């Protein structure tokens, strides 16, 4: 992420969430929730289906 100029805080802000779900996502702990899949899809200009 740093090579892209992103931090956990910046990504969390862009997604409109706190840093905690971003940290969990990066650590691959939980399955991506439907709400987070929608947020990621909007940010990455893709569909939510790619997140499971």
N, C-alpha and C. Protein backbone atom coordinates (compact mmCIF):
# COMPACT_ATOMS: atom_id res chain seq x y z
N UNK A 1 0.82 -1.19 0.00
CA UNK A 1 0.00 0.00 0.00
C UNK A 1 0.86 1.25 0.00
N UNK A 2 1.94 1.21 0.72
CA UNK A 2 2.79 2.41 0.79
C UNK A 2 3.37 2.78 -0.56
N UNK A 3 3.66 1.77 -1.39
CA UNK A 3 4.19 2.07 -2.72
C UNK A 3 3.16 2.82 -3.57
N UNK A 4 1.90 2.70 -3.21
CA UNK A 4 0.82 3.42 -3.90
C UNK A 4 0.53 4.76 -3.24
N UNK A 5 1.25 5.07 -2.17
CA UNK A 5 1.01 6.32 -1.46
C UNK A 5 -0.18 6.27 -0.53
N UNK A 6 -0.59 5.06 -0.15
CA UNK A 6 -1.73 4.90 0.75
C UNK A 6 -1.28 4.46 2.13
N UNK A 7 -2.03 4.88 3.10
CA UNK A 7 -1.85 4.40 4.47
C UNK A 7 -3.19 3.81 4.88
N UNK A 8 -3.19 3.12 5.99
CA UNK A 8 -4.45 2.58 6.52
C UNK A 8 -5.42 3.72 6.77
N UNK A 9 -4.93 4.81 7.34
CA UNK A 9 -5.80 5.95 7.64
C UNK A 9 -6.39 6.56 6.37
N UNK A 10 -5.57 6.71 5.33
CA UNK A 10 -6.07 7.29 4.08
C UNK A 10 -7.11 6.39 3.42
N UNK A 11 -6.84 5.09 3.42
CA UNK A 11 -7.80 4.16 2.82
C UNK A 11 -9.09 4.14 3.62
N UNK A 12 -8.98 4.15 4.94
CA UNK A 12 -10.18 4.18 5.79
C UNK A 12 -11.01 5.42 5.50
N UNK A 13 -10.35 6.55 5.37
CA UNK A 13 -11.06 7.80 5.06
C UNK A 13 -11.74 7.71 3.70
N UNK A 14 -11.04 7.19 2.72
CA UNK A 14 -11.60 7.06 1.37
C UNK A 14 -12.81 6.13 1.35
N UNK A 15 -12.78 5.10 2.21
CA UNK A 15 -13.90 4.16 2.29
C UNK A 15 -15.01 4.63 3.21
N UNK A 16 -14.72 5.63 4.03
CA UNK A 16 -15.72 6.13 4.98
C UNK A 16 -15.91 5.22 6.18
N UNK A 17 -14.82 4.55 6.59
CA UNK A 17 -14.87 3.65 7.74
C UNK A 17 -13.72 3.98 8.68
N UNK A 18 -13.72 3.34 9.85
CA UNK A 18 -12.60 3.53 10.77
C UNK A 18 -11.41 2.69 10.30
N UNK A 19 -10.28 2.86 10.95
CA UNK A 19 -9.07 2.10 10.58
C UNK A 19 -9.19 0.62 10.90
N UNK A 20 -9.99 0.26 11.88
CA UNK A 20 -10.09 -1.13 12.32
C UNK A 20 -10.52 -2.08 11.20
N UNK A 21 -11.61 -1.82 10.49
CA UNK A 21 -11.97 -2.77 9.42
C UNK A 21 -10.94 -2.83 8.30
N UNK A 22 -10.24 -1.74 8.05
CA UNK A 22 -9.18 -1.75 7.03
C UNK A 22 -8.02 -2.62 7.51
N UNK A 23 -7.64 -2.48 8.77
CA UNK A 23 -6.58 -3.33 9.33
C UNK A 23 -6.97 -4.80 9.24
N UNK A 24 -8.20 -5.13 9.59
CA UNK A 24 -8.66 -6.52 9.54
C UNK A 24 -8.65 -7.04 8.11
N UNK A 25 -9.05 -6.20 7.18
CA UNK A 25 -9.04 -6.58 5.78
C UNK A 25 -7.62 -6.88 5.31
N UNK A 26 -6.68 -6.03 5.67
CA UNK A 26 -5.29 -6.21 5.25
C UNK A 26 -4.65 -7.43 5.91
N UNK A 27 -5.09 -7.77 7.10
CA UNK A 27 -4.56 -8.94 7.79
C UNK A 27 -5.28 -10.22 7.38
N UNK A 28 -6.26 -10.07 6.48
CA UNK A 28 -7.04 -11.19 5.96
C UNK A 28 -7.72 -11.99 7.05
N UNK A 29 -8.19 -11.31 8.06
CA UNK A 29 -8.86 -12.01 9.17
C UNK A 29 -10.29 -12.38 8.83
N UNK A 30 -11.17 -11.42 8.69
CA UNK A 30 -12.57 -11.80 8.45
C UNK A 30 -12.89 -11.85 6.96
N UNK A 31 -14.01 -12.44 6.67
CA UNK A 31 -14.57 -12.36 5.33
C UNK A 31 -15.04 -10.92 5.14
N UNK A 32 -14.91 -10.40 3.96
CA UNK A 32 -15.34 -9.03 3.69
C UNK A 32 -16.86 -8.97 3.80
N UNK A 33 -17.35 -8.04 4.63
CA UNK A 33 -18.79 -7.89 4.81
C UNK A 33 -19.41 -7.33 3.54
N UNK A 34 -20.70 -7.54 3.34
CA UNK A 34 -21.36 -6.99 2.15
C UNK A 34 -21.21 -5.47 2.05
N UNK A 35 -21.31 -4.78 3.18
CA UNK A 35 -21.16 -3.32 3.17
C UNK A 35 -19.74 -2.91 2.76
N UNK A 36 -18.73 -3.60 3.29
CA UNK A 36 -17.35 -3.27 2.94
C UNK A 36 -17.09 -3.62 1.47
N UNK A 37 -17.67 -4.70 0.97
CA UNK A 37 -17.51 -5.06 -0.44
C UNK A 37 -18.05 -3.96 -1.34
N UNK A 38 -19.18 -3.38 -0.98
CA UNK A 38 -19.75 -2.28 -1.77
C UNK A 38 -18.83 -1.07 -1.72
N UNK A 39 -18.33 -0.74 -0.55
CA UNK A 39 -17.43 0.42 -0.42
C UNK A 39 -16.15 0.22 -1.23
N UNK A 40 -15.57 -0.97 -1.14
CA UNK A 40 -14.35 -1.27 -1.89
C UNK A 40 -14.61 -1.23 -3.40
N UNK A 41 -15.73 -1.78 -3.81
CA UNK A 41 -16.06 -1.79 -5.23
C UNK A 41 -16.20 -0.37 -5.77
N UNK A 42 -16.84 0.50 -5.00
CA UNK A 42 -16.99 1.89 -5.44
C UNK A 42 -15.65 2.58 -5.54
N UNK A 43 -14.80 2.36 -4.55
CA UNK A 43 -13.49 3.00 -4.54
C UNK A 43 -12.60 2.48 -5.66
N UNK A 44 -12.67 1.19 -5.93
CA UNK A 44 -11.80 0.56 -6.92
C UNK A 44 -12.44 0.46 -8.31
N UNK A 45 -13.64 1.02 -8.44
CA UNK A 45 -14.35 1.02 -9.72
C UNK A 45 -14.54 -0.39 -10.28
N UNK A 46 -15.06 -1.25 -9.45
CA UNK A 46 -15.31 -2.64 -9.83
C UNK A 46 -16.64 -3.07 -9.24
N UNK A 47 -16.91 -4.36 -9.24
CA UNK A 47 -18.15 -4.85 -8.65
C UNK A 47 -17.88 -5.52 -7.32
N UNK A 48 -18.87 -5.57 -6.49
CA UNK A 48 -18.70 -6.17 -5.16
C UNK A 48 -18.50 -7.68 -5.22
N UNK A 49 -18.89 -8.31 -6.32
CA UNK A 49 -18.79 -9.76 -6.44
C UNK A 49 -17.35 -10.25 -6.36
N UNK A 50 -16.37 -9.44 -6.72
CA UNK A 50 -14.99 -9.92 -6.67
C UNK A 50 -14.49 -10.13 -5.24
N UNK A 51 -15.24 -9.61 -4.26
CA UNK A 51 -14.83 -9.74 -2.86
C UNK A 51 -15.52 -10.91 -2.17
N UNK A 52 -16.11 -11.78 -2.92
CA UNK A 52 -16.68 -12.97 -2.33
C UNK A 52 -18.13 -12.96 -2.40
